[in-house]
Each structure stands twice: as C-alpha cells, then as structure tokens.
Amino acid sequence: MRLRRALLWLLAAQLLLAGCDAFRRKAIYWGAWVSGVAYGLEDAPWEAQAIDLFESHAGKKLSILHWGQPWWTCNPRCRYQTFQDQVAQYEAVRQRGLIPLVDWASWDFKAEPHHAQPAFTLRKIIRGDHDEHIRQWAMEARNWGHPFFLRFNWEMNGDWFPWSEGRNGNHAGEFVQAWRHVHDIFTEVGASNVTWVWCPNVEHAEAIPLEGLYPGDAYVDWIGMDGYNWGSEQGQPIGWQSFQEVFGATYARLIELSPNKPLMIAEISSTETGGSKAEWITDALVEQLPKNFPQVKAVVWFNWNTDEMDWVIESSPAAQAAFAKGIASPYYAHSEFANLNTSPIPPLY
C-alpha cells in the first residue's frame, strides 16, 4: 500500500512538473522600439526613463529592446559608427534583463534621399570597400561577448533603402552576396554571440520576390517581418487591415522559404484611423499570435510616431488599455534575460 501510494505521488509530481514545463515553454519574447519623443525625452536606450515609462504604460517589463545604429553618421564630424560607441547601451539593456535587437544599416541615416547613397552600394560592400569598419565592429561585438539580435539591412524587398536591389545602382543577386560577405567577416573574427535576423517587409504588389533575397539557412538565425495597419492614413490604397491581413500571406511564404527558422515580427503597429486600434491590438495579442501564428517566437512593437503616424500604444486610452491587457498574458515573457549566454538566441519553446 505504501509503495503504491508513493508511486502515485511520484506520478502526480511528474505530471505537475511536465505541466509546469509545458506552460513555461509556451511563451515568446516581446519587445518594443521606444521613442522618447512621446514622453518629452531622448530615445531608449540612451534615456532609461523612456523605457520605464513605456513599461509602466504597458503594465509589464520588456524582454527585447529595439534600436538602431547606422554605419556612418555626421555628428558633428562624419565617421563610421563603431560598436564601442554604444557598448554602454548594450550593457545597460542587458543589466535590465532585456535582449538587444539592433538595426545595423549600411547607410548614412541623415543623407537625403535615403535610397540614393553611392558610397554604400551593394557592389562596394561585396568588393570590400567597408571591410575595415565591418571587421572592427564585429571584433568589438565579439569582445562584449553577450548574445544580441542583429537585424542587418532590413526590408530589403522594398525600394526605400539604399540596399534595395531596385535602388542606388544595385543589381539582382547582390543583396545575398553582400549579406554573405558581411556575415563571413563576423565568422572569421569569431563574433559568435551575434544572432542574425533577416527581415523583409510584408509582401506587397511592388515588392522584390523573397526567394532571390534570402542568403540561405547557414547565414540566417531568425527570420523576421515588418508590417503595419495603415488604415485610411496618407491615402493608403489598401485601407484598414486586420492582423491576419497584414501578416498572414507573408508568414506562410516565410515558412515555405525556411520551415525550421524561428520567426520574429520585428516591427508592428496600427493606426487609430479607419477602425478600432484597441480591437486590432486585442485580436493580435490575444487571438492571432497565440493561436494562429505558432512559428512567431518574438513580437516587437514600434512605439514611435514617425511619418506623422500614431503608432504608439498611448495614442488613446483604449489602445493603451488593450495593449496592457493583452501583453499581460504569460505567453509574453518579461525581463529575465540578464544571464542569457546562448547563441544563437533560442526561442523560448
């Protein structure tokens, strides 16, 4: 009798632990690009108070913080931006328990128009004109030593950046060559703490086909996608779109392209104009992501009213409340990654 009772207790304990493990595994990373403008502050991560305010409005701590660094800047003198220029920000973000997601872009952010920058053609990257900078940045990233997401030259299937094959004198096939060239330098110097995120925009009628832009599974760790519900703003021809309408077709296409890679929605937001932003957010966080997009292992809100849009969660009390209620689910993991030391960064389940 005692043996039987002990076995029953053991079985119950194993089932309980299995249930806890399954619950713990069923979670994804969530994060945000946090513009300080909405709060009268500098942008995150330079202004920690901007992160504090966003997290207080969301009602939950982040697990990813998203920001960017161009290769070249003029502030006040013109020069390459090194990893060391921002290493204090990387360290501060990690100490908060967050994972950095950094846009690393082969351009001068302040040049106009953005898409016409002859110093940063894909051919010049392939030829090695920027190798000294790439190698220095990669070595400094290696020396920092901790895992982070690197989103290199994103939205390459559009025509608004100088790394698009349809702009800046670039040609078909050069994006993949440039990506592999840069990735190879990181491999050569041992920057294995970098998790590479290949991230197109959601597909549209004029987009460059994705299959010709994918560098291959050996050169990519996570696949991303960016998408927005523009509603009736700025004369958008599509009009109000649900989460499924924004992301569904591209999600299916990316899984076809690389079935085994974890997916990240690296930019997402909705306008208030043309429908209910609060309902859109609830549908995204409560219904679509947990139930219909299982391959998405990270979602990153774009909390910046760029292009005169109303992307921030604080665009209305209803939108903010809907976001806080949706993100409160244990499906969205909070800041517990200060000791993360695995690269490439694995999905949570």
Protein backbone atom coordinates (compact mmCIF):
# COMPACT_ATOMS: atom_id res chain seq x y z
CA MET A 1 0.00 0.00 0.00
CA ARG A 2 2.80 2.41 0.92
CA LEU A 3 4.65 1.58 -2.26
CA ARG A 4 1.53 2.14 -4.35
CA ARG A 5 0.89 5.46 -2.62
CA ALA A 6 4.48 6.54 -3.17
CA LEU A 7 4.24 5.64 -6.86
CA LEU A 8 1.02 7.63 -7.19
CA TRP A 9 2.65 10.66 -5.55
CA LEU A 10 5.64 10.31 -7.87
CA LEU A 11 3.41 10.10 -10.92
CA ALA A 12 1.41 13.16 -9.79
CA ALA A 13 4.63 15.11 -9.21
CA GLN A 14 5.93 14.18 -12.66
CA LEU A 15 2.68 15.25 -14.29
CA LEU A 16 2.74 18.53 -12.39
CA LEU A 17 6.33 19.23 -13.42
CA ALA A 18 5.56 18.31 -17.01
CA GLY A 19 2.63 20.70 -16.96
CA CYS A 20 4.75 23.47 -15.49
CA ASP A 21 7.47 22.87 -18.08
CA ALA A 22 4.95 22.98 -20.91
CA PHE A 23 3.46 26.19 -19.53
CA ARG A 24 6.89 27.74 -19.12
CA ARG A 25 7.93 26.78 -22.63
CA LYS A 26 4.79 28.17 -24.19
CA ALA A 27 5.98 31.76 -24.22
CA ILE A 28 7.54 34.15 -26.70
CA TYR A 29 9.77 37.20 -26.40
CA TRP A 30 8.12 40.59 -26.64
CA GLY A 31 9.71 43.98 -27.02
CA ALA A 32 9.49 47.48 -28.41
CA TRP A 33 11.25 50.28 -30.17
CA VAL A 34 10.76 53.04 -27.59
CA SER A 35 10.94 56.59 -28.90
CA GLY A 36 11.42 59.11 -26.13
CA VAL A 37 9.61 61.83 -28.09
CA ALA A 38 6.25 60.59 -26.82
CA TYR A 39 7.44 61.35 -23.29
CA GLY A 40 9.49 64.50 -23.95
CA LEU A 41 12.70 62.53 -23.50
CA GLU A 42 15.62 61.18 -25.50
CA ASP A 43 15.14 57.80 -27.17
CA ALA A 44 15.78 54.48 -25.50
CA PRO A 45 18.26 53.02 -24.72
CA TRP A 46 20.06 56.32 -24.14
CA GLU A 47 17.24 57.51 -21.90
CA ALA A 48 16.37 54.81 -19.37
CA GLN A 49 13.35 56.78 -18.16
CA ALA A 50 11.74 56.31 -21.58
CA ILE A 51 11.89 52.55 -21.04
CA ASP A 52 10.48 52.95 -17.53
CA LEU A 53 7.54 54.98 -18.81
CA PHE A 54 6.77 52.63 -21.67
CA GLU A 55 6.87 49.61 -19.35
CA SER A 56 4.63 51.37 -16.84
CA HIS A 57 2.10 52.15 -19.58
CA ALA A 58 2.29 48.59 -20.93
CA GLY A 59 1.98 47.21 -17.41
CA LYS A 60 4.82 44.75 -17.99
CA LYS A 61 8.57 44.68 -18.43
CA LEU A 62 10.03 44.02 -21.86
CA SER A 63 12.19 41.12 -22.90
CA ILE A 64 13.62 42.83 -26.05
CA LEU A 65 14.64 46.44 -26.64
CA HIS A 66 14.94 47.54 -30.27
CA TRP A 67 17.12 50.39 -31.53
CA GLY A 68 19.49 51.12 -34.41
CA GLN A 69 22.96 52.17 -35.49
CA PRO A 70 23.92 53.36 -38.98
CA TRP A 71 27.35 52.56 -40.37
CA TRP A 72 28.03 56.25 -40.99
CA THR A 73 26.99 59.43 -39.25
CA CYS A 74 27.91 63.11 -39.16
CA ASN A 75 27.53 64.30 -35.56
CA PRO A 76 29.33 66.67 -35.71
CA ARG A 77 32.13 65.11 -37.78
CA CYS A 78 31.50 62.40 -40.35
CA ARG A 79 32.78 58.94 -39.49
CA TYR A 80 31.93 55.26 -39.13
CA GLN A 81 29.98 54.32 -36.02
CA THR A 82 31.76 51.62 -34.00
CA PHE A 83 30.21 49.05 -31.71
CA GLN A 84 32.20 50.62 -28.90
CA ASP A 85 30.25 53.86 -29.39
CA GLN A 86 27.19 52.09 -28.00
CA VAL A 87 28.65 49.38 -25.77
CA ALA A 88 27.39 51.22 -22.66
CA GLN A 89 23.86 51.00 -24.04
CA TYR A 90 24.18 47.28 -24.77
CA GLU A 91 25.40 46.69 -21.24
CA ALA A 92 22.67 48.80 -19.63
CA VAL A 93 19.98 46.96 -21.60
CA ARG A 94 21.38 43.59 -20.60
CA GLN A 95 21.53 44.61 -16.93
CA ARG A 96 17.79 45.36 -17.13
CA GLY A 97 17.23 41.76 -18.20
CA LEU A 98 16.48 42.68 -21.82
CA ILE A 99 17.91 41.36 -25.07
CA PRO A 100 19.20 43.97 -27.54
CA LEU A 101 17.71 43.92 -31.05
CA VAL A 102 19.86 46.28 -33.12
CA ASP A 103 19.27 47.53 -36.65
CA TRP A 104 22.72 47.69 -38.24
CA ALA A 105 22.47 49.58 -41.50
CA SER A 106 24.89 50.21 -44.36
CA TRP A 107 24.00 53.85 -44.87
CA ASP A 108 24.24 57.41 -43.66
CA PHE A 109 20.97 57.85 -41.77
CA LYS A 110 20.91 61.61 -42.38
CA ALA A 111 21.54 61.51 -46.14
CA GLU A 112 18.66 62.53 -48.41
CA PRO A 113 17.14 60.85 -50.21
CA HIS A 114 17.73 57.73 -48.14
CA HIS A 115 17.75 55.36 -51.09
CA ALA A 116 20.44 57.19 -53.10
CA GLN A 117 23.80 56.73 -51.36
CA PRO A 118 26.55 55.77 -53.83
CA ALA A 119 29.12 55.26 -51.05
CA PHE A 120 27.05 52.32 -49.82
CA THR A 121 26.10 50.37 -52.93
CA LEU A 122 25.89 46.62 -52.53
CA ARG A 123 28.72 46.24 -55.04
CA LYS A 124 31.06 48.30 -52.83
CA ILE A 125 30.21 46.13 -49.82
CA ILE A 126 30.88 42.97 -51.86
CA ARG A 127 34.14 44.46 -53.18
CA GLY A 128 35.39 45.04 -49.65
CA ASP A 129 35.36 48.84 -49.52
CA HIS A 130 33.91 48.75 -45.98
CA ASP A 131 35.72 45.68 -44.67
CA GLU A 132 37.89 47.53 -42.17
CA HIS A 133 34.81 49.01 -40.49
CA ILE A 134 32.88 45.73 -40.59
CA ARG A 135 35.80 43.83 -39.06
CA GLN A 136 36.32 46.39 -36.29
CA TRP A 137 32.62 46.42 -35.41
CA ALA A 138 32.47 42.63 -35.41
CA MET A 139 35.55 42.33 -33.18
CA GLU A 140 34.18 44.84 -30.69
CA ALA A 141 30.84 42.98 -30.66
CA ARG A 142 32.74 39.75 -30.03
CA ASN A 143 34.68 41.34 -27.20
CA TRP A 144 31.46 42.46 -25.48
CA GLY A 145 30.65 38.79 -25.59
CA HIS A 146 26.92 38.62 -24.80
CA PRO A 147 24.08 37.48 -27.08
CA PHE A 148 22.11 40.03 -29.09
CA PHE A 149 19.91 40.12 -32.18
CA LEU A 150 21.44 41.86 -35.21
CA ARG A 151 18.92 42.95 -37.86
CA PHE A 152 21.17 43.80 -40.78
CA ASN A 153 19.78 45.80 -43.73
CA TRP A 154 16.10 45.05 -43.14
CA GLU A 155 13.11 45.50 -45.51
CA MET A 156 15.36 44.69 -48.44
CA ASN A 157 12.36 43.72 -50.57
CA GLY A 158 11.15 47.33 -50.66
CA ASP A 159 12.59 50.27 -52.58
CA TRP A 160 13.11 52.82 -49.80
CA PHE A 161 16.61 51.87 -48.56
CA PRO A 162 19.99 52.11 -50.34
CA TRP A 163 20.49 48.33 -50.01
CA SER A 164 17.43 47.59 -52.15
CA GLU A 165 18.32 45.86 -55.42
CA GLY A 166 15.95 48.27 -57.15
CA ARG A 167 17.79 51.39 -55.94
CA ASN A 168 21.20 53.00 -55.62
CA GLY A 169 22.66 51.32 -58.71
CA ASN A 170 22.27 47.86 -57.19
CA HIS A 171 21.58 44.73 -59.22
CA ALA A 172 19.70 41.47 -58.77
CA GLY A 173 21.62 38.94 -56.71
CA GLU A 174 23.83 41.48 -54.97
CA PHE A 175 21.92 41.62 -51.69
CA VAL A 176 22.67 37.97 -50.95
CA GLN A 177 26.32 38.42 -51.91
CA ALA A 178 26.66 41.47 -49.65
CA TRP A 179 24.94 39.73 -46.72
CA ARG A 180 27.18 36.67 -47.01
CA HIS A 181 30.29 38.83 -47.31
CA VAL A 182 29.48 40.69 -44.09
CA HIS A 183 28.44 37.50 -42.28
CA ASP A 184 31.68 35.79 -43.32
CA ILE A 185 33.74 38.54 -41.69
CA PHE A 186 31.87 38.06 -38.41
CA THR A 187 32.54 34.34 -38.63
CA GLU A 188 36.24 34.93 -39.34
CA VAL A 189 36.72 37.07 -36.23
CA GLY A 190 34.67 34.74 -34.01
CA ALA A 191 31.70 37.02 -33.30
CA SER A 192 29.52 34.02 -32.47
CA ASN A 193 27.43 35.98 -29.93
CA VAL A 194 25.57 37.65 -32.81
CA THR A 195 22.14 36.26 -33.77
CA TRP A 196 21.42 37.20 -37.39
CA VAL A 197 17.88 38.37 -38.21
CA TRP A 198 16.90 38.53 -41.90
CA CYS A 199 13.82 40.74 -42.00
CA PRO A 200 11.80 41.73 -45.09
CA ASN A 201 8.77 43.95 -45.12
CA VAL A 202 5.43 42.16 -45.53
CA GLU A 203 4.96 41.44 -49.20
CA HIS A 204 3.10 43.84 -51.45
CA ALA A 205 2.46 44.20 -55.16
CA GLU A 206 5.73 46.01 -55.97
CA ALA A 207 7.95 44.03 -53.60
CA ILE A 208 11.05 42.18 -54.79
CA PRO A 209 10.45 38.39 -54.55
CA LEU A 210 11.84 36.99 -51.32
CA GLU A 211 13.44 33.85 -52.71
CA GLY A 212 16.08 35.89 -54.55
CA LEU A 213 16.96 37.84 -51.38
CA TYR A 214 17.35 35.01 -48.87
CA PRO A 215 21.03 34.33 -48.06
CA GLY A 216 20.37 30.72 -47.02
CA ASP A 217 19.85 28.96 -43.71
CA ALA A 218 23.60 28.84 -42.97
CA TYR A 219 23.65 32.66 -42.94
CA VAL A 220 20.44 33.36 -41.01
CA ASP A 221 19.42 32.52 -37.43
CA TRP A 222 15.95 34.12 -37.22
CA ILE A 223 13.60 35.30 -39.95
CA GLY A 224 11.66 38.49 -39.37
CA MET A 225 8.90 40.52 -40.97
CA ASP A 226 7.70 44.09 -40.55
CA GLY A 227 4.10 45.11 -41.04
CA TYR A 228 1.64 47.88 -40.17
CA ASN A 229 -2.07 48.51 -40.37
CA TRP A 230 -2.04 51.94 -42.06
CA GLY A 231 -5.83 52.19 -42.10
CA SER A 232 -7.05 55.13 -44.17
CA GLU A 233 -4.00 57.29 -43.37
CA GLN A 234 -1.91 59.02 -46.03
CA GLY A 235 -4.09 57.90 -48.91
CA GLN A 236 -3.17 54.24 -48.40
CA PRO A 237 -4.87 52.26 -51.19
CA ILE A 238 -5.41 49.10 -49.13
CA GLY A 239 -7.35 50.63 -46.23
CA TRP A 240 -7.93 49.07 -42.84
CA GLN A 241 -6.38 45.62 -42.47
CA SER A 242 -6.69 43.05 -39.72
CA PHE A 243 -3.60 41.45 -38.21
CA GLN A 244 -4.22 38.38 -40.37
CA GLU A 245 -4.49 40.50 -43.49
CA VAL A 246 -1.24 42.32 -42.71
CA PHE A 247 0.89 39.30 -41.83
CA GLY A 248 -0.85 36.08 -42.93
CA ALA A 249 0.37 35.72 -46.52
CA THR A 250 3.98 36.70 -45.72
CA TYR A 251 4.01 34.38 -42.69
CA ALA A 252 3.03 31.45 -44.91
CA ARG A 253 5.61 32.43 -47.54
CA LEU A 254 8.43 32.66 -44.99
CA ILE A 255 7.64 29.22 -43.60
CA GLU A 256 7.83 27.85 -47.14
CA LEU A 257 11.16 29.62 -47.64
CA SER A 258 12.71 28.24 -44.44
CA PRO A 259 10.46 25.89 -42.44
CA ASN A 260 12.72 25.48 -39.42
CA LYS A 261 13.77 29.02 -38.57
CA PRO A 262 12.07 30.89 -35.70
CA LEU A 263 10.14 33.95 -36.84
CA MET A 264 10.11 37.44 -35.36
CA ILE A 265 7.70 40.28 -36.04
CA ALA A 266 10.33 43.00 -35.67
CA GLU A 267 8.04 45.98 -36.34
CA ILE A 268 4.29 46.09 -35.79
CA SER A 269 1.68 48.72 -35.07
CA SER A 270 -1.72 50.03 -36.09
CA THR A 271 -3.21 53.45 -36.64
CA GLU A 272 -6.39 54.67 -34.97
CA THR A 273 -7.79 55.92 -38.29
CA GLY A 274 -10.26 53.71 -40.11
CA GLY A 275 -11.26 51.31 -37.35
CA SER A 276 -10.68 50.39 -33.71
CA LYS A 277 -6.99 50.23 -32.81
CA ALA A 278 -7.89 48.78 -29.40
CA GLU A 279 -9.77 45.90 -31.02
CA TRP A 280 -6.92 45.39 -33.50
CA ILE A 281 -4.40 45.11 -30.65
CA THR A 282 -6.61 42.70 -28.71
CA ASP A 283 -7.05 40.49 -31.76
CA ALA A 284 -3.29 40.49 -32.40
CA LEU A 285 -2.14 39.71 -28.85
CA VAL A 286 -4.97 37.53 -27.57
CA GLU A 287 -6.16 35.66 -30.65
CA GLN A 288 -3.82 35.73 -33.62
CA LEU A 289 -0.33 35.36 -32.18
CA PRO A 290 -1.03 32.61 -29.61
CA LYS A 291 -3.46 30.64 -31.77
CA ASN A 292 -2.74 31.18 -35.46
CA PHE A 293 0.94 32.16 -35.74
CA PRO A 294 2.80 29.46 -33.77
CA GLN A 295 6.08 29.95 -35.64
CA VAL A 296 6.32 33.56 -34.39
CA LYS A 297 8.61 33.41 -31.37
CA ALA A 298 9.07 37.16 -30.80
CA VAL A 299 6.99 40.29 -31.40
CA VAL A 300 8.34 43.85 -31.18
CA TRP A 301 6.02 46.86 -31.06
CA PHE A 302 7.06 50.04 -32.90
CA ASN A 303 6.39 52.76 -30.34
CA TRP A 304 7.42 55.77 -32.40
CA ASN A 305 5.12 58.21 -34.21
CA THR A 306 7.34 58.50 -37.25
CA ASP A 307 5.94 59.64 -40.62
CA GLU A 308 3.33 61.68 -38.73
CA MET A 309 1.56 58.46 -37.76
CA ASP A 310 0.00 57.41 -34.43
CA TRP A 311 1.87 54.16 -33.85
CA VAL A 312 2.46 54.45 -30.08
CA ILE A 313 0.35 52.42 -27.65
CA GLU A 314 -0.52 55.71 -25.93
CA SER A 315 -2.40 57.03 -28.99
CA SER A 316 -5.64 56.61 -26.99
CA PRO A 317 -6.60 55.36 -23.53
CA ALA A 318 -8.46 52.48 -25.19
CA ALA A 319 -5.41 51.40 -27.21
CA GLN A 320 -3.11 51.56 -24.19
CA ALA A 321 -5.54 49.58 -22.04
CA ALA A 322 -5.97 46.95 -24.75
CA PHE A 323 -2.22 46.59 -25.13
CA ALA A 324 -1.65 46.27 -21.38
CA LYS A 325 -4.40 43.68 -21.04
CA GLY A 326 -3.15 41.61 -23.98
CA ILE A 327 0.55 41.73 -23.15
CA ALA A 328 -0.20 40.72 -19.53
CA SER A 329 -0.66 37.14 -20.72
CA PRO A 330 2.14 34.77 -19.61
CA TYR A 331 2.50 33.99 -23.31
CA TYR A 332 4.68 37.15 -23.48
CA ALA A 333 7.85 36.74 -21.43
CA HIS A 334 9.18 39.62 -19.35
CA SER A 335 12.70 40.76 -18.43
CA GLU A 336 14.56 37.73 -17.17
CA PHE A 337 17.46 37.52 -19.60
CA ALA A 338 20.35 39.31 -17.85
CA ASN A 339 22.18 35.98 -17.68
CA LEU A 340 21.39 34.78 -21.19
CA ASN A 341 24.54 33.27 -22.68
CA THR A 342 23.30 31.07 -25.52
CA SER A 343 23.98 31.99 -29.15
CA PRO A 344 22.23 31.95 -31.49
CA ILE A 345 19.46 33.09 -29.17
CA PRO A 346 16.96 30.22 -28.97
CA PRO A 347 13.18 30.62 -29.00
CA LEU A 348 11.53 30.06 -25.62
CA TYR A 349 9.72 26.95 -26.82
